[in-house]
Amino acid sequence: MDQLPQRPTYLVVDGENIDATLGMSVLGRRPQPEERPRWDRVREFAAAVWDQPVTALFFLNASSGQMPMAFVQALIALGYRPIPLAGSVSEKVVDIGIQRTLAAIADRDGDVLLASHDGDFVDQVSALLTPGRRVGLLGFREFVSSSFTELAGRGLQTYDLEDEVGCFTAPLPRVRIIPLETFDPVRFL
């Protein structure tokens, strides 16, 4: 008997946003290579969280005409599809590409994990929150745009890159937000 194809998880990565948030908001400086996310772990998390195959898309700004080829080759080796986009200086090419991709996914079967903190995707994420579709956001909880807050009540799940995804090789210097339901005051006494 033929098996039906498994429902996919679309992992959509806003690499610029994750890197900028890590650098400016967490570290206070440009991240060193060993401080950046382990993208293989992010992809593994995406496959495990809903136990489905992953289509991993990694958006890059190539408007300068330059691409970090070693990084692109590493992404390919890790099972990502790099999407290098170019446009005018005034265009947020990565944001536009991700917005269009999320809108296209809305017409397909599959669940979605978006790695970004950027509120520019709220409308597209909101449109994805339909019965039978799981939608998640990967980022540092304390830096996710507050625009996503109301979507949690509609089913948006948020996963912390460090605590839940585990994509860093060493602990990051940051103060984490503790959900009240998991707060244990004894840990702080």
C-alpha atoms as a PDB file:
ATOM      1  CA  MET A   1       0.000   0.000   0.000  1.00  0.00           C
ATOM      2  CA  ASP A   2       1.406   3.414  -0.970  1.00  0.00           C
ATOM      3  CA  GLN A   3       2.021   5.885   1.814  1.00  0.00           C
ATOM      4  CA  LEU A   4       0.891   9.449   1.432  1.00  0.00           C
ATOM      5  CA  PRO A   5       3.690  12.009   1.465  1.00  0.00           C
ATOM      6  CA  GLN A   6       4.288  13.528   4.874  1.00  0.00           C
ATOM      7  CA  ARG A   7       3.159  17.058   5.505  1.00  0.00           C
ATOM      8  CA  PRO A   8       6.174  19.414   5.351  1.00  0.00           C
ATOM      9  CA  THR A   9       7.442  21.978   7.810  1.00  0.00           C
ATOM     10  CA  TYR A  10       8.644  25.095   6.037  1.00  0.00           C
ATOM     11  CA  LEU A  11      11.553  26.607   7.945  1.00  0.00           C
ATOM     12  CA  VAL A  12      11.926  30.220   6.804  1.00  0.00           C
ATOM     13  CA  VAL A  13      15.087  31.915   8.109  1.00  0.00           C
ATOM     14  CA  ASP A  14      15.627  35.675   8.223  1.00  0.00           C
ATOM     15  CA  GLY A  15      19.376  35.325   8.727  1.00  0.00           C
ATOM     16  CA  GLU A  16      20.044  39.078   8.742  1.00  0.00           C
ATOM     17  CA  ASN A  17      17.531  39.642  11.518  1.00  0.00           C
ATOM     18  CA  ILE A  18      18.785  36.784  13.687  1.00  0.00           C
ATOM     19  CA  ASP A  19      22.398  37.924  13.238  1.00  0.00           C
ATOM     20  CA  ALA A  20      21.583  41.597  13.907  1.00  0.00           C
ATOM     21  CA  THR A  21      19.575  40.789  17.035  1.00  0.00           C
ATOM     22  CA  LEU A  22      22.310  38.494  18.319  1.00  0.00           C
ATOM     23  CA  GLY A  23      24.945  41.169  17.708  1.00  0.00           C
ATOM     24  CA  MET A  24      23.190  44.369  18.757  1.00  0.00           C
ATOM     25  CA  SER A  25      20.798  43.185  21.449  1.00  0.00           C
ATOM     26  CA  VAL A  26      22.440  40.119  23.002  1.00  0.00           C
ATOM     27  CA  LEU A  27      26.204  40.523  22.597  1.00  0.00           C
ATOM     28  CA  GLY A  28      26.458  44.274  22.035  1.00  0.00           C
ATOM     29  CA  ARG A  29      28.973  43.696  19.242  1.00  0.00           C
ATOM     30  CA  ARG A  30      29.421  41.804  16.010  1.00  0.00           C
ATOM     31  CA  PRO A  31      29.171  38.048  16.751  1.00  0.00           C
ATOM     32  CA  GLN A  32      32.236  35.892  16.280  1.00  0.00           C
ATOM     33  CA  PRO A  33      31.727  32.852  14.022  1.00  0.00           C
ATOM     34  CA  GLU A  34      31.649  30.472  17.005  1.00  0.00           C
ATOM     35  CA  GLU A  35      28.934  32.619  18.664  1.00  0.00           C
ATOM     36  CA  ARG A  36      26.516  32.402  15.754  1.00  0.00           C
ATOM     37  CA  PRO A  37      23.671  29.869  15.633  1.00  0.00           C
ATOM     38  CA  ARG A  38      24.443  26.335  14.583  1.00  0.00           C
ATOM     39  CA  TRP A  39      22.088  26.222  11.631  1.00  0.00           C
ATOM     40  CA  ASP A  40      22.207  22.423  11.535  1.00  0.00           C
ATOM     41  CA  ARG A  41      20.643  22.393  15.017  1.00  0.00           C
ATOM     42  CA  VAL A  42      17.934  24.823  13.912  1.00  0.00           C
ATOM     43  CA  ARG A  43      17.049  22.544  11.007  1.00  0.00           C
ATOM     44  CA  GLU A  44      17.110  19.465  13.269  1.00  0.00           C
ATOM     45  CA  PHE A  45      14.798  21.239  15.717  1.00  0.00           C
ATOM     46  CA  ALA A  46      12.433  22.120  12.863  1.00  0.00           C
ATOM     47  CA  ALA A  47      12.257  18.452  11.848  1.00  0.00           C
ATOM     48  CA  ALA A  48      11.784  17.211  15.405  1.00  0.00           C
ATOM     49  CA  VAL A  49       9.283  19.729  16.784  1.00  0.00           C
ATOM     50  CA  TRP A  50       6.402  18.363  14.669  1.00  0.00           C
ATOM     51  CA  ASP A  51       8.134  15.163  13.471  1.00  0.00           C
ATOM     52  CA  GLN A  52       7.948  16.107   9.792  1.00  0.00           C
ATOM     53  CA  PRO A  53      10.297  16.576   6.855  1.00  0.00           C
ATOM     54  CA  VAL A  54      11.686  20.105   6.532  1.00  0.00           C
ATOM     55  CA  THR A  55      11.987  22.444   3.599  1.00  0.00           C
ATOM     56  CA  ALA A  56      14.586  24.885   4.938  1.00  0.00           C
ATOM     57  CA  LEU A  57      14.832  28.289   3.234  1.00  0.00           C
ATOM     58  CA  PHE A  58      17.558  30.746   4.218  1.00  0.00           C
ATOM     59  CA  PHE A  59      17.154  34.296   2.884  1.00  0.00           C
ATOM     60  CA  LEU A  60      20.246  36.400   2.141  1.00  0.00           C
ATOM     61  CA  ASN A  61      20.671  39.984   0.976  1.00  0.00           C
ATOM     62  CA  ALA A  62      22.877  39.902  -2.113  1.00  0.00           C
ATOM     63  CA  SER A  63      22.137  43.469  -3.266  1.00  0.00           C
ATOM     64  CA  SER A  64      25.835  44.358  -3.043  1.00  0.00           C
ATOM     65  CA  GLY A  65      26.601  41.778  -5.702  1.00  0.00           C
ATOM     66  CA  GLN A  66      28.639  39.844  -3.140  1.00  0.00           C
ATOM     67  CA  MET A  67      27.733  36.582  -1.471  1.00  0.00           C
ATOM     68  CA  PRO A  68      29.548  34.771   1.326  1.00  0.00           C
ATOM     69  CA  MET A  69      30.151  31.662  -0.809  1.00  0.00           C
ATOM     70  CA  ALA A  70      31.667  29.573   1.991  1.00  0.00           C
ATOM     71  CA  PHE A  71      28.566  30.253   4.103  1.00  0.00           C
ATOM     72  CA  VAL A  72      26.227  29.534   1.167  1.00  0.00           C
ATOM     73  CA  GLN A  73      28.002  26.232   0.507  1.00  0.00           C
ATOM     74  CA  ALA A  74      27.771  25.346   4.196  1.00  0.00           C
ATOM     75  CA  LEU A  75      24.023  26.070   4.155  1.00  0.00           C
ATOM     76  CA  ILE A  76      23.571  23.800   1.141  1.00  0.00           C
ATOM     77  CA  ALA A  77      25.535  21.038   2.875  1.00  0.00           C
ATOM     78  CA  LEU A  78      23.219  21.424   5.905  1.00  0.00           C
ATOM     79  CA  GLY A  79      20.118  20.935   3.764  1.00  0.00           C
ATOM     80  CA  TYR A  80      19.086  24.574   3.371  1.00  0.00           C
ATOM     81  CA  ARG A  81      18.053  26.277   0.157  1.00  0.00           C
ATOM     82  CA  PRO A  82      19.873  29.631   0.192  1.00  0.00           C
ATOM     83  CA  ILE A  83      17.792  32.373  -1.410  1.00  0.00           C
ATOM     84  CA  PRO A  84      20.100  35.290  -2.313  1.00  0.00           C
ATOM     85  CA  LEU A  85      17.964  38.303  -3.231  1.00  0.00           C
ATOM     86  CA  ALA A  86      19.042  41.591  -4.772  1.00  0.00           C
ATOM     87  CA  GLY A  87      17.257  44.896  -5.192  1.00  0.00           C
ATOM     88  CA  SER A  88      17.685  48.614  -4.810  1.00  0.00           C
ATOM     89  CA  VAL A  89      19.220  50.150  -1.706  1.00  0.00           C
ATOM     90  CA  SER A  90      15.784  51.350  -0.582  1.00  0.00           C
ATOM     91  CA  GLU A  91      14.258  47.860  -0.719  1.00  0.00           C
ATOM     92  CA  LYS A  92      14.246  45.477   2.224  1.00  0.00           C
ATOM     93  CA  VAL A  93      14.840  42.553  -0.124  1.00  0.00           C
ATOM     94  CA  VAL A  94      14.960  39.843   2.530  1.00  0.00           C
ATOM     95  CA  ASP A  95      11.748  41.070   4.158  1.00  0.00           C
ATOM     96  CA  ILE A  96       9.960  41.285   0.808  1.00  0.00           C
ATOM     97  CA  GLY A  97      11.154  37.809  -0.177  1.00  0.00           C
ATOM     98  CA  ILE A  98      10.020  36.313   3.125  1.00  0.00           C
ATOM     99  CA  GLN A  99       6.649  38.090   2.947  1.00  0.00           C
ATOM    100  CA  ARG A 100       6.052  36.702  -0.546  1.00  0.00           C
ATOM    101  CA  THR A 101       7.162  33.225   0.525  1.00  0.00           C
ATOM    102  CA  LEU A 102       4.876  33.164   3.579  1.00  0.00           C
ATOM    103  CA  ALA A 103       1.978  34.324   1.380  1.00  0.00           C
ATOM    104  CA  ALA A 104       2.723  31.504  -1.092  1.00  0.00           C
ATOM    105  CA  ILE A 105       2.867  28.937   1.733  1.00  0.00           C
ATOM    106  CA  ALA A 106      -0.633  30.010   2.796  1.00  0.00           C
ATOM    107  CA  ASP A 107      -1.901  28.342  -0.407  1.00  0.00           C
ATOM    108  CA  ARG A 108      -0.107  25.060   0.364  1.00  0.00           C
ATOM    109  CA  ASP A 109      -0.396  22.296   2.893  1.00  0.00           C
ATOM    110  CA  GLY A 110       2.285  22.461   5.555  1.00  0.00           C
ATOM    111  CA  ASP A 111       3.332  23.956   8.837  1.00  0.00           C
ATOM    112  CA  VAL A 112       5.667  26.941   9.223  1.00  0.00           C
ATOM    113  CA  LEU A 113       8.553  27.955  11.469  1.00  0.00           C
ATOM    114  CA  LEU A 114       9.809  31.501  10.935  1.00  0.00           C
ATOM    115  CA  ALA A 115      13.198  32.419  12.396  1.00  0.00           C
ATOM    116  CA  SER A 116      12.962  36.175  12.913  1.00  0.00           C
ATOM    117  CA  HIS A 117      12.062  38.856  15.441  1.00  0.00           C
ATOM    118  CA  ASP A 118      10.737  41.229  12.785  1.00  0.00           C
ATOM    119  CA  GLY A 119       7.197  42.591  13.078  1.00  0.00           C
ATOM    120  CA  ASP A 120       7.138  43.143   9.299  1.00  0.00           C
ATOM    121  CA  PHE A 121       5.842  39.572   8.950  1.00  0.00           C
ATOM    122  CA  VAL A 122       2.857  39.811  11.314  1.00  0.00           C
ATOM    123  CA  ASP A 123       0.252  40.037   8.535  1.00  0.00           C
ATOM    124  CA  GLN A 124       1.620  37.002   6.697  1.00  0.00           C
ATOM    125  CA  VAL A 125       1.986  34.967   9.912  1.00  0.00           C
ATOM    126  CA  SER A 126      -1.550  35.946  10.912  1.00  0.00           C
ATOM    127  CA  ALA A 127      -2.853  34.688   7.547  1.00  0.00           C
ATOM    128  CA  LEU A 128      -1.100  31.349   8.138  1.00  0.00           C
ATOM    129  CA  LEU A 129      -2.889  30.781  11.462  1.00  0.00           C
ATOM    130  CA  THR A 130      -5.704  28.671  10.091  1.00  0.00           C
ATOM    131  CA  PRO A 131      -7.295  25.505  11.482  1.00  0.00           C
ATOM    132  CA  GLY A 132      -5.042  22.499  11.013  1.00  0.00           C
ATOM    133  CA  ARG A 133      -1.825  24.478  10.423  1.00  0.00           C
ATOM    134  CA  ARG A 134       0.886  24.859  13.054  1.00  0.00           C
ATOM    135  CA  VAL A 135       2.897  28.058  12.989  1.00  0.00           C
ATOM    136  CA  GLY A 136       5.924  28.858  15.120  1.00  0.00           C
ATOM    137  CA  LEU A 137       8.394  31.656  15.621  1.00  0.00           C
ATOM    138  CA  LEU A 138      12.070  31.029  16.418  1.00  0.00           C
ATOM    139  CA  GLY A 139      14.047  33.793  18.089  1.00  0.00           C
ATOM    140  CA  PHE A 140      15.079  35.288  21.398  1.00  0.00           C
ATOM    141  CA  ARG A 141      11.743  35.647  23.194  1.00  0.00           C
ATOM    142  CA  GLU A 142      12.595  38.980  24.762  1.00  0.00           C
ATOM    143  CA  PHE A 143      13.404  40.532  21.371  1.00  0.00           C
ATOM    144  CA  VAL A 144      10.481  39.200  19.311  1.00  0.00           C
ATOM    145  CA  SER A 145       8.332  42.071  18.057  1.00  0.00           C
ATOM    146  CA  SER A 146       5.430  42.750  20.411  1.00  0.00           C
ATOM    147  CA  SER A 147       3.238  42.744  17.277  1.00  0.00           C
ATOM    148  CA  PHE A 148       3.272  38.939  17.483  1.00  0.00           C
ATOM    149  CA  THR A 149       1.875  38.898  21.041  1.00  0.00           C
ATOM    150  CA  GLU A 150      -1.791  38.830  20.053  1.00  0.00           C
ATOM    151  CA  LEU A 151      -1.138  35.961  17.633  1.00  0.00           C
ATOM    152  CA  ALA A 152      -0.189  33.658  20.519  1.00  0.00           C
ATOM    153  CA  GLY A 153      -3.881  33.515  21.418  1.00  0.00           C
ATOM    154  CA  ARG A 154      -4.598  32.295  17.890  1.00  0.00           C
ATOM    155  CA  GLY A 155      -2.043  29.474  18.118  1.00  0.00           C
ATOM    156  CA  LEU A 156       1.333  31.025  17.278  1.00  0.00           C
ATOM    157  CA  GLN A 157       4.022  29.101  19.156  1.00  0.00           C
ATOM    158  CA  THR A 158       7.307  30.763  20.092  1.00  0.00           C
ATOM    159  CA  TYR A 159      10.551  28.840  20.596  1.00  0.00           C
ATOM    160  CA  ASP A 160      13.660  30.405  22.109  1.00  0.00           C
ATOM    161  CA  LEU A 161      16.764  29.841  19.969  1.00  0.00           C
ATOM    162  CA  GLU A 162      19.014  29.258  22.954  1.00  0.00           C
ATOM    163  CA  ASP A 163      16.785  27.574  25.527  1.00  0.00           C
ATOM    164  CA  GLU A 164      14.518  25.397  23.361  1.00  0.00           C
ATOM    165  CA  VAL A 165      16.229  25.108  19.990  1.00  0.00           C
ATOM    166  CA  GLY A 166      19.700  24.774  21.544  1.00  0.00           C
ATOM    167  CA  CYS A 167      21.549  26.178  18.565  1.00  0.00           C
ATOM    168  CA  PHE A 168      24.472  27.791  20.396  1.00  0.00           C
ATOM    169  CA  THR A 169      27.625  25.997  21.476  1.00  0.00           C
ATOM    170  CA  ALA A 170      28.079  28.133  24.610  1.00  0.00           C
ATOM    171  CA  PRO A 171      25.659  30.054  26.852  1.00  0.00           C
ATOM    172  CA  LEU A 172      24.965  33.598  25.729  1.00  0.00           C
ATOM    173  CA  PRO A 173      25.280  36.549  28.121  1.00  0.00           C
ATOM    174  CA  ARG A 174      21.631  37.511  28.464  1.00  0.00           C
ATOM    175  CA  VAL A 175      18.787  37.787  30.912  1.00  0.00           C
ATOM    176  CA  ARG A 176      15.943  35.538  29.842  1.00  0.00           C
ATOM    177  CA  ILE A 177      12.252  36.211  30.235  1.00  0.00           C
ATOM    178  CA  ILE A 178      10.686  33.531  32.408  1.00  0.00           C
ATOM    179  CA  PRO A 179       7.091  32.527  31.656  1.00  0.00           C
ATOM    180  CA  LEU A 180       5.130  32.845  34.896  1.00  0.00           C
ATOM    181  CA  GLU A 181       3.850  29.265  34.653  1.00  0.00           C
ATOM    182  CA  THR A 182       7.439  27.945  34.812  1.00  0.00           C
ATOM    183  CA  PHE A 183       8.781  30.436  37.365  1.00  0.00           C
ATOM    184  CA  ASP A 184      10.377  28.725  40.369  1.00  0.00           C
ATOM    185  CA  PRO A 185      11.423  31.339  42.931  1.00  0.00           C
ATOM    186  CA  VAL A 186      13.585  28.776  44.752  1.00  0.00           C
ATOM    187  CA  ARG A 187      16.071  28.931  41.854  1.00  0.00           C
ATOM    188  CA  PHE A 188      16.729  32.551  42.737  1.00  0.00           C
ATOM    189  CA  LEU A 189      16.988  32.248  46.519  1.00  0.00           C
END
